[in-house]
C-alpha cells in the first residue's frame, strides 16, 4: 500500500506518468494502472452485489501524452477479472459519468484517465458509478485492493463505442428546448461564440455542439488535442489562459467566449467587452440564470468567495449563500445534503469553475454550464439585452491576493489545526471580527475587506486569501494577519513580510 497511497488525491488518483520534468520520478505506471483497473472492478462488483463477470465498465481519456498506455493497461486489468471493458476514446470527464446514466449504454461504472490541468507529465484516474463520482474513502479502498493484486493478463480486447456523439446530442437538445427559437434546429444562428480548449479534450464543443446549432465559431482556438499543452495551461484560473480567450473575443467581436479545462469539467467565460466571467462572477452568472426557476433557493459555494458575491446573491437575487469548504466534491456533497433535508439548492459551484446543478445529476460539467450560458445568451438577444445584464449589480472586484505559507514538520495537519485555533483566539483578543459560522478555516471581517486562513486540502500549506475594497486595504490586512501569526514558529510567514 505504501507505493500506492501517495497516488490518492482526495477523491481522485493522480501521479507522475512519464519522464520529462527534472526531479519528478514516475509513480503511475501502466502496471499500476492495470492493478487499479482490477481493483475498481472488484470494488464495483462488491458495491452492486454483482458477479464481476456481469459488469460493464467504460473508459475514456483526455489529450494527455500517456493516455493510450494507461487506457490499454487499465482496460487489460478490468478484462482480466472477467468484466467487460468499453473504450470510449477522447472524451470529457462528465461524458464518462453519463455512460452510467444513458439508457443506450447503462454501464455499471466508468473511469476517466485525466489529471485535469496539471503539467503534461501527470495523469490520473477518476471513477464513477450510478451515485456519481466516488468518495475519498472509496479511493482508499480501491488502492488497498490494488496493493494486494498482481498485474492481470488477458488476451481479450475492450469493445469500442462513440459515447461523445451521444453526449453531444443530449447537449444540443437541451439548447434547442431552452431557446425554443423559430429555427428550432439552429437556435444559436446569429451568435458568434469563441471557444478556447487549451489543446485539451474540449474541442468537440465547437464541431459537435455549436456549429450544428448554427453558431459562428470564428476565432475558436487551440481545439486540437495536444498533451504537451503548447499554448497555455488549459485552466480557467490561469491568467495566461484567460488572457488568451479575452484577446480572442475582442479580436473577433464575439458575443461570448468560453474556456474549458483539460477534461471539460470546468469552464469560465468572457463577455463581448473582454470582461472575464470567472471566480465570483461565474457563480453570480449561474445563480442569476437559475433564480427564475429556483427563487429564494440556496447556492453552495467554496470558502474563498467575496462579500460582494454574498451581497449580489442575497441582496440582488434574493437567494441564500451557503459558503462551504473548498474542493468540488465538498460543495457538491453539501448541496446534495441540503436538498435531502428539503432545502432547495440548485447549484454547487467553486470559484475554480467547477459547477454542478441539481437538474444535471449534481455533476460538475463545464459543458453543461456552457449550455446554460448559451441559452441565456440567446434568450437575452431575443429581448435586445446583453448577457452582462444577468450580473448587473455585482460590484467590481478591486484587489484580491492569495499567500501560500509552508507548514514545517512532519505532523503538519495537526500543527495547522493548532495555528487556526490560536489565530482565532488572537483575533478575538485583539478585537477583530471573526465570521461565524465558518465551515473552513478562520475568516476575519474588516472595514475594508476580509481575510481567510485555511489548511490546504492535501499539502503542507496554509493558504491565506485577502480581499480589499480600495487601494491599500490588502496591505493593511496583511500586516494585521502577520502580527496575529507571529508566534507560530513552524509556519513560514516569510511571504507576508
Protein backbone atom coordinates (compact mmCIF):
# COMPACT_ATOMS: atom_id res chain seq x y z
CA UNK A 1 0.00 0.00 0.00
CA UNK A 2 2.90 2.37 0.69
CA UNK A 3 3.70 2.75 -3.02
CA UNK A 4 0.07 3.41 -3.94
CA UNK A 5 -1.25 5.62 -1.14
CA UNK A 6 0.70 8.61 -2.46
CA UNK A 7 -1.38 8.44 -5.64
CA UNK A 8 -4.56 9.40 -3.80
CA UNK A 9 -5.61 12.99 -4.31
CA UNK A 10 -8.85 13.28 -2.37
CA UNK A 11 -11.49 11.50 -4.43
CA UNK A 12 -9.19 11.06 -7.45
CA UNK A 13 -5.95 9.24 -8.26
CA UNK A 14 -3.12 11.34 -9.66
CA UNK A 15 0.53 10.66 -10.27
CA UNK A 16 3.59 11.21 -12.46
CA UNK A 17 3.03 9.11 -15.55
CA UNK A 18 6.10 9.91 -17.68
CA UNK A 19 9.58 11.38 -17.53
CA UNK A 20 10.27 14.92 -18.66
CA UNK A 21 10.37 17.08 -15.54
CA UNK A 22 13.59 17.13 -13.52
CA UNK A 23 13.28 15.62 -10.06
CA UNK A 24 9.87 14.04 -10.74
CA UNK A 25 10.07 10.26 -10.89
CA UNK A 26 7.33 8.16 -12.48
CA UNK A 27 4.97 6.62 -9.91
CA UNK A 28 1.88 5.94 -12.05
CA UNK A 29 2.94 3.20 -14.44
CA UNK A 30 0.82 1.05 -16.78
CA UNK A 31 1.41 -1.90 -14.44
CA UNK A 32 -0.05 0.07 -11.53
CA UNK A 33 -2.96 1.25 -13.69
CA UNK A 34 -3.65 -2.38 -14.52
CA UNK A 35 -3.94 -3.27 -10.83
CA UNK A 36 -6.14 -0.23 -10.17
CA UNK A 37 -8.44 -1.27 -13.02
CA UNK A 38 -8.82 -4.72 -11.48
CA UNK A 39 -9.41 -3.24 -8.05
CA UNK A 40 -12.16 -0.94 -9.33
CA UNK A 41 -13.92 -3.88 -10.96
CA UNK A 42 -13.85 -5.90 -7.73
CA UNK A 43 -14.87 -2.86 -5.66
CA UNK A 44 -17.78 -2.14 -8.00
CA UNK A 45 -18.94 -5.76 -8.00
CA UNK A 46 -18.94 -5.71 -4.20
CA UNK A 47 -20.93 -2.45 -4.05
CA UNK A 48 -23.52 -3.56 -6.58
CA UNK A 49 -23.79 -7.12 -5.28
CA UNK A 50 -22.96 -8.48 -8.74
CA UNK A 51 -20.60 -11.11 -10.05
CA UNK A 52 -17.62 -9.22 -11.50
CA UNK A 53 -18.16 -11.09 -14.80
CA UNK A 54 -21.53 -9.37 -15.17
CA UNK A 55 -20.08 -5.84 -15.06
CA UNK A 56 -19.61 -3.41 -17.95
CA UNK A 57 -17.12 -0.60 -17.33
CA UNK A 58 -16.45 2.31 -19.71
CA UNK A 59 -13.07 4.00 -20.10
CA UNK A 60 -12.23 7.38 -21.61
CA UNK A 61 -9.32 9.80 -21.66
CA UNK A 62 -8.34 13.41 -22.33
CA UNK A 63 -5.46 14.60 -24.52
CA UNK A 64 -2.57 13.67 -22.26
CA UNK A 65 0.51 12.04 -23.81
CA UNK A 66 0.26 8.96 -21.56
CA UNK A 67 -3.45 8.40 -22.22
CA UNK A 68 -3.10 5.47 -24.63
CA UNK A 69 -0.74 3.42 -22.47
CA UNK A 70 -2.79 3.93 -19.32
CA UNK A 71 -6.11 3.19 -21.06
CA UNK A 72 -4.70 -0.03 -22.51
CA UNK A 73 -3.31 -1.13 -19.16
CA UNK A 74 -6.43 -0.22 -17.17
CA UNK A 75 -8.63 -2.00 -19.71
CA UNK A 76 -6.45 -5.11 -19.50
CA UNK A 77 -6.77 -5.09 -15.73
CA UNK A 78 -10.57 -4.88 -15.95
CA UNK A 79 -10.76 -7.58 -18.62
CA UNK A 80 -8.54 -9.89 -16.59
CA UNK A 81 -11.23 -10.00 -13.89
CA UNK A 82 -13.82 -11.20 -16.40
CA UNK A 83 -15.64 -7.87 -16.54
CA UNK A 84 -16.40 -6.20 -19.88
CA UNK A 85 -14.47 -3.05 -20.79
CA UNK A 86 -15.64 -0.46 -23.33
CA UNK A 87 -13.11 2.05 -24.71
CA UNK A 88 -14.77 5.41 -25.40
CA UNK A 89 -11.76 7.29 -26.76
CA UNK A 90 -11.06 11.01 -26.35
CA UNK A 91 -13.92 12.35 -24.23
CA UNK A 92 -14.75 14.70 -21.37
CA UNK A 93 -14.94 13.61 -17.75
CA UNK A 94 -18.68 14.46 -17.46
CA UNK A 95 -19.48 12.38 -20.54
CA UNK A 96 -17.94 9.35 -18.83
CA UNK A 97 -20.36 9.71 -15.93
CA UNK A 98 -23.21 9.94 -18.42
CA UNK A 99 -22.32 6.47 -19.74
CA UNK A 100 -23.75 5.21 -16.45
CA UNK A 101 -26.93 7.27 -16.98
CA UNK A 102 -27.73 6.99 -20.69
CA UNK A 103 -30.10 4.06 -21.36
CA UNK A 104 -28.19 3.39 -24.58
CA UNK A 105 -25.11 2.48 -22.52
CA UNK A 106 -26.14 1.93 -18.87
CA UNK A 107 -22.62 0.96 -17.82
CA UNK A 108 -22.16 -0.25 -14.25
CA UNK A 109 -19.27 2.16 -13.80
CA UNK A 110 -16.74 4.22 -15.70
CA UNK A 111 -13.18 5.50 -15.49
CA UNK A 112 -11.74 8.72 -16.90
CA UNK A 113 -7.99 8.91 -17.44
CA UNK A 114 -7.11 12.54 -16.65
CA UNK A 115 -5.15 14.81 -14.37
CA UNK A 116 -7.19 17.92 -15.16
CA UNK A 117 -4.96 20.98 -15.67
CA UNK A 118 -1.74 19.54 -14.22
CA UNK A 119 1.50 19.51 -16.28
CA UNK A 120 1.98 17.15 -19.23
CA UNK A 121 3.90 14.51 -17.23
CA UNK A 122 0.99 13.92 -14.85
CA UNK A 123 -2.01 11.69 -15.27
CA UNK A 124 -4.64 10.05 -13.12
CA UNK A 125 -7.97 8.28 -12.84
CA UNK A 126 -11.46 9.45 -11.90
CA UNK A 127 -14.18 6.91 -11.17
CA UNK A 128 -17.97 6.96 -11.47
CA UNK A 129 -20.89 4.73 -10.62
CA UNK A 130 -24.64 5.39 -10.55
CA UNK A 131 -24.21 7.63 -7.48
CA UNK A 132 -21.73 9.93 -9.22
CA UNK A 133 -18.05 10.39 -8.52
CA UNK A 134 -16.51 8.18 -5.89
CA UNK A 135 -15.68 9.45 -2.41
CA UNK A 136 -12.29 9.66 -0.72
CA UNK A 137 -12.92 6.50 1.32
CA UNK A 138 -13.80 4.61 -1.87
CA UNK A 139 -10.48 5.56 -3.46
CA UNK A 140 -8.61 4.40 -0.36
CA UNK A 141 -10.48 1.09 -0.57
CA UNK A 142 -9.62 0.67 -4.27
CA UNK A 143 -5.94 1.39 -3.66
CA UNK A 144 -5.86 -1.08 -0.78
CA UNK A 145 -7.34 -3.73 -3.05
CA UNK A 146 -4.85 -2.86 -5.80
CA UNK A 147 -1.92 -3.24 -3.40
CA UNK A 148 -2.82 -6.93 -2.97
CA UNK A 149 -3.12 -7.73 -6.68
CA UNK A 150 -0.64 -8.85 -9.32
CA UNK A 151 -0.72 -7.46 -12.84
CA UNK A 152 -3.66 -9.03 -14.68
CA UNK A 153 -3.05 -10.77 -18.02
CA UNK A 154 -5.63 -11.27 -20.77
CA UNK A 155 -5.95 -11.85 -24.49
CA UNK A 156 -9.28 -10.01 -24.58
CA UNK A 157 -9.68 -6.53 -26.07
CA UNK A 158 -12.01 -3.77 -24.99
CA UNK A 159 -15.05 -3.04 -27.11
CA UNK A 160 -15.25 0.45 -28.65
CA UNK A 161 -18.08 2.97 -28.56
CA UNK A 162 -18.58 6.59 -29.65
CA UNK A 163 -20.00 7.99 -26.43
CA UNK A 164 -19.11 11.59 -27.25
CA UNK A 165 -21.67 11.88 -30.06
CA UNK A 166 -24.40 10.57 -27.76
CA UNK A 167 -23.40 13.06 -25.08
CA UNK A 168 -23.26 16.00 -27.52
CA UNK A 169 -26.67 15.12 -28.96
CA UNK A 170 -28.11 15.48 -25.46
CA UNK A 171 -26.44 18.89 -25.03
CA UNK A 172 -27.79 20.08 -28.38
CA UNK A 173 -31.32 19.06 -27.45
CA UNK A 174 -31.10 20.94 -24.16
CA UNK A 175 -30.13 24.12 -26.03
CA UNK A 176 -32.86 23.69 -28.63
CA UNK A 177 -35.51 23.17 -25.95
CA UNK A 178 -34.16 26.01 -23.79
CA UNK A 179 -34.07 28.63 -26.54
CA UNK A 180 -37.12 27.37 -28.47
CA UNK A 181 -36.25 29.60 -31.42
CA UNK A 182 -38.26 29.92 -34.63
CA UNK A 183 -35.47 27.99 -36.30
CA UNK A 184 -35.61 25.16 -33.78
CA UNK A 185 -32.70 23.25 -35.33
CA UNK A 186 -30.38 26.29 -35.28
CA UNK A 187 -31.14 28.25 -32.09
CA UNK A 188 -27.66 29.81 -32.00
CA UNK A 189 -27.81 31.26 -35.50
CA UNK A 190 -26.58 34.85 -35.49
CA UNK A 191 -24.35 34.36 -32.45
CA UNK A 192 -20.57 34.33 -32.64
CA UNK A 193 -19.18 32.03 -29.93
CA UNK A 194 -15.44 31.67 -29.49
CA UNK A 195 -14.04 28.63 -27.66
CA UNK A 196 -10.59 28.06 -26.20
CA UNK A 197 -10.00 24.36 -25.44
CA UNK A 198 -6.35 24.79 -24.45
CA UNK A 199 -5.43 21.70 -26.52
CA UNK A 200 -7.36 19.56 -24.06
CA UNK A 201 -10.42 17.42 -24.79
CA UNK A 202 -12.91 20.28 -25.22
CA UNK A 203 -12.53 20.95 -28.95
CA UNK A 204 -15.57 18.74 -29.60
CA UNK A 205 -17.83 21.51 -28.28
CA UNK A 206 -17.23 23.52 -31.47
CA UNK A 207 -17.94 20.92 -34.15
CA UNK A 208 -20.42 18.72 -32.27
CA UNK A 209 -22.47 21.36 -30.40
CA UNK A 210 -22.00 24.95 -31.57
CA UNK A 211 -21.72 24.52 -35.32
CA UNK A 212 -24.67 22.09 -35.68
CA UNK A 213 -26.78 24.64 -33.78
CA UNK A 214 -25.88 27.41 -36.22
CA UNK A 215 -23.30 29.35 -34.19
CA UNK A 216 -20.46 31.20 -35.88
CA UNK A 217 -17.32 29.85 -34.16
CA UNK A 218 -14.86 32.26 -35.74
CA UNK A 219 -11.79 32.77 -33.57
CA UNK A 220 -12.06 29.49 -31.67
CA UNK A 221 -8.57 28.32 -30.82
CA UNK A 222 -6.39 25.51 -29.51
CA UNK A 223 -9.03 22.93 -30.35
CA UNK A 224 -6.54 20.24 -31.44
CA UNK A 225 -5.71 17.72 -28.70
CA UNK A 226 -2.07 18.06 -27.66
CA UNK A 227 -0.99 16.66 -24.32
CA UNK A 228 2.04 18.94 -24.14
CA UNK A 229 -0.33 21.96 -23.95
CA UNK A 230 1.92 24.15 -26.13
CA UNK A 231 -0.17 27.35 -25.99
CA UNK A 232 -1.21 27.69 -22.36
CA UNK A 233 -2.30 25.59 -19.41
CA UNK A 234 -5.90 24.51 -20.01
CA UNK A 235 -7.12 26.05 -16.78
CA UNK A 236 -9.77 28.80 -16.45
CA UNK A 237 -7.99 30.06 -13.33
CA UNK A 238 -4.69 30.61 -15.17
CA UNK A 239 -4.08 34.27 -16.05
CA UNK A 240 -2.35 33.48 -19.35
CA UNK A 241 -5.21 31.19 -20.37
CA UNK A 242 -7.84 33.79 -19.52
CA UNK A 243 -5.95 36.49 -21.42
CA UNK A 244 -5.85 34.21 -24.47
CA UNK A 245 -9.64 33.85 -24.61
CA UNK A 246 -10.18 37.53 -23.74
CA UNK A 247 -7.95 38.57 -26.64
CA UNK A 248 -9.76 36.17 -28.99
CA UNK A 249 -13.18 37.51 -28.02
CA UNK A 250 -12.14 41.11 -28.57
CA UNK A 251 -10.33 40.38 -31.85
CA UNK A 252 -13.30 38.50 -33.29
CA UNK A 253 -16.11 40.67 -31.88
CA UNK A 254 -17.64 37.60 -30.27
CA UNK A 255 -20.94 37.50 -28.39
CA UNK A 256 -19.44 35.08 -25.87
CA UNK A 257 -16.13 33.40 -25.15
CA UNK A 258 -15.89 30.00 -23.46
CA UNK A 259 -12.79 28.42 -21.97
CA UNK A 260 -12.59 24.83 -20.72
CA UNK A 261 -10.08 22.96 -18.63
CA UNK A 262 -8.42 19.81 -19.98
CA UNK A 263 -11.21 17.33 -19.23
CA UNK A 264 -14.12 19.82 -19.53
CA UNK A 265 -15.48 19.55 -16.01
CA UNK A 266 -14.73 23.26 -15.52
CA UNK A 267 -15.37 26.40 -17.56
CA UNK A 268 -15.31 30.14 -17.44
CA UNK A 269 -16.50 32.75 -19.93
CA UNK A 270 -15.74 36.15 -21.44
CA UNK A 271 -18.26 38.88 -22.29
CA UNK A 272 -18.11 40.83 -25.60
CA UNK A 273 -16.19 43.69 -23.93
CA UNK A 274 -13.47 41.29 -22.80
CA UNK A 275 -14.65 41.10 -19.20
CA UNK A 276 -13.88 37.74 -17.60
CA UNK A 277 -16.76 35.79 -16.11
CA UNK A 278 -14.80 33.69 -13.65
CA UNK A 279 -14.38 33.23 -9.90
CA UNK A 280 -17.15 35.25 -8.15
CA UNK A 281 -18.61 36.31 -11.49
CA UNK A 282 -19.18 32.77 -12.82
CA UNK A 283 -21.05 31.95 -9.60
CA UNK A 284 -23.12 35.14 -9.89
CA UNK A 285 -23.90 34.44 -13.54
CA UNK A 286 -25.05 30.87 -12.99
CA UNK A 287 -27.15 31.88 -9.98
CA UNK A 288 -28.78 34.70 -11.96
CA UNK A 289 -29.61 32.26 -14.77
CA UNK A 290 -31.18 29.80 -12.30
CA UNK A 291 -33.05 32.18 -9.99
CA UNK A 292 -36.16 32.35 -12.16
CA UNK A 293 -36.69 28.61 -11.79
CA UNK A 294 -35.47 28.42 -8.20
CA UNK A 295 -36.49 31.67 -6.44
CA UNK A 296 -35.24 32.04 -2.87
CA UNK A 297 -33.06 28.94 -3.17
CA UNK A 298 -29.61 28.33 -1.71
CA UNK A 299 -26.32 28.39 -3.64
CA UNK A 300 -23.45 26.36 -2.17
CA UNK A 301 -20.02 27.88 -2.82
CA UNK A 302 -16.48 27.29 -1.66
CA UNK A 303 -14.96 29.27 1.18
CA UNK A 304 -12.96 31.89 -0.75
CA UNK A 305 -15.85 33.80 -2.30
CA UNK A 306 -16.03 37.52 -1.63
CA UNK A 307 -18.52 39.59 0.31
CA UNK A 308 -19.57 41.28 -2.95
CA UNK A 309 -20.87 37.91 -4.16
CA UNK A 310 -22.88 37.47 -0.97
CA UNK A 311 -24.41 40.92 -1.41
CA UNK A 312 -25.32 40.10 -5.01
CA UNK A 313 -26.83 36.68 -4.29
CA UNK A 314 -28.78 37.76 -1.24
CA UNK A 315 -29.48 41.42 -1.97
CA UNK A 316 -29.94 41.42 -5.75
CA UNK A 317 -31.26 37.92 -6.45
CA UNK A 318 -32.99 37.13 -3.17
CA UNK A 319 -31.14 33.82 -2.91
CA UNK A 320 -29.12 32.48 0.00
CA UNK A 321 -25.40 31.72 0.00
CA UNK A 322 -24.02 28.73 1.89
CA UNK A 323 -20.26 29.32 1.95
CA UNK A 324 -18.74 25.87 2.49
CA UNK A 325 -15.35 24.16 2.11
CA UNK A 326 -13.04 24.17 -0.91
CA UNK A 327 -12.98 21.07 -3.07
CA UNK A 328 -15.57 20.32 -5.73
CA UNK A 329 -16.69 17.12 -4.02
CA UNK A 330 -17.19 19.02 -0.78
CA UNK A 331 -19.52 21.62 -2.28
CA UNK A 332 -21.39 19.00 -4.30
CA UNK A 333 -21.94 16.73 -1.32
CA UNK A 334 -23.12 19.67 0.78
CA UNK A 335 -25.57 20.64 -1.96
CA UNK A 336 -26.88 17.07 -2.00
CA UNK A 337 -27.22 17.12 1.79
CA UNK A 338 -29.21 20.36 1.78
CA UNK A 339 -31.60 19.05 -0.86
CA UNK A 340 -32.08 15.80 1.05
CA UNK A 341 -33.15 17.91 4.05
CA UNK A 342 -35.71 19.80 1.99
CA UNK A 343 -33.59 22.93 1.43
CA UNK A 344 -33.78 23.74 -2.29
CA UNK A 345 -30.24 24.14 -3.60
CA UNK A 346 -29.94 24.04 -7.40
CA UNK A 347 -26.25 24.92 -7.64
CA UNK A 348 -22.96 23.85 -6.07
CA UNK A 349 -20.07 25.82 -7.51
CA UNK A 350 -16.46 26.71 -6.77
CA UNK A 351 -14.58 29.82 -7.81
CA UNK A 352 -12.36 27.41 -9.81
CA UNK A 353 -15.18 26.93 -12.33
CA UNK A 354 -16.35 23.54 -11.04
CA UNK A 355 -20.15 23.85 -11.10
CA UNK A 356 -22.80 21.19 -10.51
CA UNK A 357 -26.57 21.56 -10.92
CA UNK A 358 -29.22 19.51 -9.19
CA UNK A 359 -31.04 19.25 -12.53
CA UNK A 360 -27.96 17.55 -14.02
CA UNK A 361 -27.27 14.74 -11.55
CA UNK A 362 -25.14 17.03 -9.33
CA UNK A 363 -22.43 16.53 -11.97
CA UNK A 364 -19.67 19.11 -12.28
CA UNK A 365 -19.83 19.59 -16.02
CA UNK A 366 -18.21 22.56 -17.74
CA UNK A 367 -20.06 21.85 -20.98
CA UNK A 368 -23.41 21.85 -19.17
CA UNK A 369 -22.60 25.23 -17.59
CA UNK A 370 -21.75 26.46 -21.08
CA UNK A 371 -25.11 25.15 -22.31
CA UNK A 372 -26.95 27.15 -19.63
CA UNK A 373 -24.97 30.26 -20.54
CA UNK A 374 -25.60 29.81 -24.26
CA UNK A 375 -29.34 29.53 -23.64
CA UNK A 376 -29.18 32.71 -21.54
CA UNK A 377 -27.20 34.49 -24.29
CA UNK A 378 -29.74 33.54 -26.97
CA UNK A 379 -32.72 34.49 -24.81
CA UNK A 380 -31.15 37.83 -23.90
CA UNK A 381 -30.57 38.59 -27.58
CA UNK A 382 -34.27 37.90 -28.28
CA UNK A 383 -35.09 40.67 -25.80
CA UNK A 384 -32.39 43.01 -27.17
CA UNK A 385 -30.40 42.59 -23.98
CA UNK A 386 -26.82 41.59 -23.30
CA UNK A 387 -25.70 38.58 -21.30
CA UNK A 388 -24.00 41.04 -18.96
CA UNK A 389 -27.45 42.17 -17.81
CA UNK A 390 -27.68 38.99 -15.72
CA UNK A 391 -24.94 40.20 -13.40
CA UNK A 392 -25.76 43.90 -13.26
CA UNK A 393 -25.36 44.89 -9.64
CA UNK A 394 -22.33 42.66 -8.98
CA UNK A 395 -19.83 45.10 -7.54
CA UNK A 396 -16.45 45.22 -9.29
CA UNK A 397 -13.57 43.44 -7.63
CA UNK A 398 -10.86 45.82 -6.50
CA UNK A 399 -7.99 43.62 -5.33
CA UNK A 400 -7.60 40.06 -4.16
CA UNK A 401 -4.48 38.18 -3.13
CA UNK A 402 -3.51 34.67 -2.06
CA UNK A 403 -0.45 33.81 0.01
CA UNK A 404 0.55 30.15 0.45
CA UNK A 405 2.57 29.63 3.62
CA UNK A 406 4.51 26.44 4.25
CA UNK A 407 3.92 24.32 7.33
CA UNK A 408 7.13 22.83 8.71
CA UNK A 409 7.50 19.49 10.45
CA UNK A 410 6.02 16.05 9.82
CA UNK A 411 2.64 16.31 11.56
CA UNK A 412 1.68 19.40 9.59
CA UNK A 413 -2.07 18.82 9.69
CA UNK A 414 -2.20 18.73 13.49
CA UNK A 415 0.01 21.81 13.73
CA UNK A 416 -2.12 23.58 11.14
CA UNK A 417 -5.20 22.99 13.27
CA UNK A 418 -3.34 24.44 16.25
CA UNK A 419 -2.48 27.50 14.16
CA UNK A 420 -6.13 28.01 13.22
CA UNK A 421 -7.25 27.74 16.83
CA UNK A 422 -4.56 30.12 18.05
CA UNK A 423 -5.13 32.53 15.17
CA UNK A 424 -8.84 32.78 16.02
CA UNK A 425 -8.09 33.34 19.70
CA UNK A 426 -5.53 36.04 18.88
CA UNK A 427 -8.00 37.75 16.55
CA UNK A 428 -10.73 37.84 19.20
CA UNK A 429 -8.32 39.04 21.88
CA UNK A 430 -7.28 41.93 19.64
CA UNK A 431 -10.86 42.91 18.86
CA UNK A 432 -11.12 41.70 15.27
CA UNK A 433 -14.40 40.29 13.92
CA UNK A 434 -14.42 36.52 13.38
CA UNK A 435 -17.07 35.44 10.87
CA UNK A 436 -19.33 32.59 12.02
CA UNK A 437 -20.24 30.02 11.04
CA UNK A 438 -17.13 29.10 9.08
CA UNK A 439 -17.02 25.66 7.52
CA UNK A 440 -13.36 26.00 6.60
CA UNK A 441 -10.59 27.86 8.35
CA UNK A 442 -10.94 31.22 10.09
CA UNK A 443 -12.43 34.21 8.28
CA UNK A 444 -11.97 37.76 9.58
CA UNK A 445 -14.08 40.73 8.55
CA UNK A 446 -12.54 44.21 8.28
CA UNK A 447 -14.00 47.59 7.34
CA UNK A 448 -12.02 47.46 4.10
CA UNK A 449 -12.30 43.78 3.24
CA UNK A 450 -11.77 40.29 4.62
CA UNK A 451 -9.20 37.54 5.14
CA UNK A 452 -9.48 33.75 5.23
CA UNK A 453 -6.80 31.48 6.69
CA UNK A 454 -7.26 27.78 6.00
CA UNK A 455 -5.45 24.48 5.64
CA UNK A 456 -4.68 23.12 2.19
CA UNK A 457 -6.73 20.01 1.41
CA UNK A 458 -3.70 17.85 0.67
CA UNK A 459 -0.41 19.76 1.00
CA UNK A 460 1.64 21.10 3.96
CA UNK A 461 0.44 24.63 3.26
CA UNK A 462 -1.81 27.25 4.79
CA UNK A 463 -3.34 29.48 2.10
CA UNK A 464 -4.30 33.00 3.14
CA UNK A 465 -6.83 34.81 0.96
CA UNK A 466 -7.22 38.58 1.33
CA UNK A 467 -9.56 40.95 -0.44
CA UNK A 468 -9.70 44.73 -0.16
CA UNK A 469 -12.24 47.26 -1.35
CA UNK A 470 -9.85 50.13 -2.10
CA UNK A 471 -6.16 50.85 -2.58
CA UNK A 472 -4.08 49.97 0.46
CA UNK A 473 -6.65 47.70 2.12
CA UNK A 474 -4.87 44.44 1.27
CA UNK A 475 -1.55 45.70 2.63
CA UNK A 476 -3.20 46.78 5.88
CA UNK A 477 -4.98 43.46 6.30
CA UNK A 478 -1.78 41.55 5.50
CA UNK A 479 0.05 43.42 8.27
CA UNK A 480 -2.66 42.52 10.77
CA UNK A 481 -2.55 38.85 9.78
CA UNK A 482 1.25 38.76 10.02
CA UNK A 483 1.10 40.02 13.62
CA UNK A 484 -1.60 37.53 14.56
CA UNK A 485 0.56 34.69 13.20
CA UNK A 486 3.92 35.86 14.53
CA UNK A 487 4.05 33.36 17.42
CA UNK A 488 3.76 30.20 15.29
CA UNK A 489 7.34 29.12 14.64
CA UNK A 490 6.50 26.14 12.38
CA UNK A 491 4.52 28.30 9.98
CA UNK A 492 6.73 30.05 7.42
CA UNK A 493 5.25 33.56 7.18
CA UNK A 494 8.21 34.99 5.23
CA UNK A 495 5.95 35.68 2.26
CA UNK A 496 3.97 38.16 4.37
CA UNK A 497 6.99 40.36 5.08
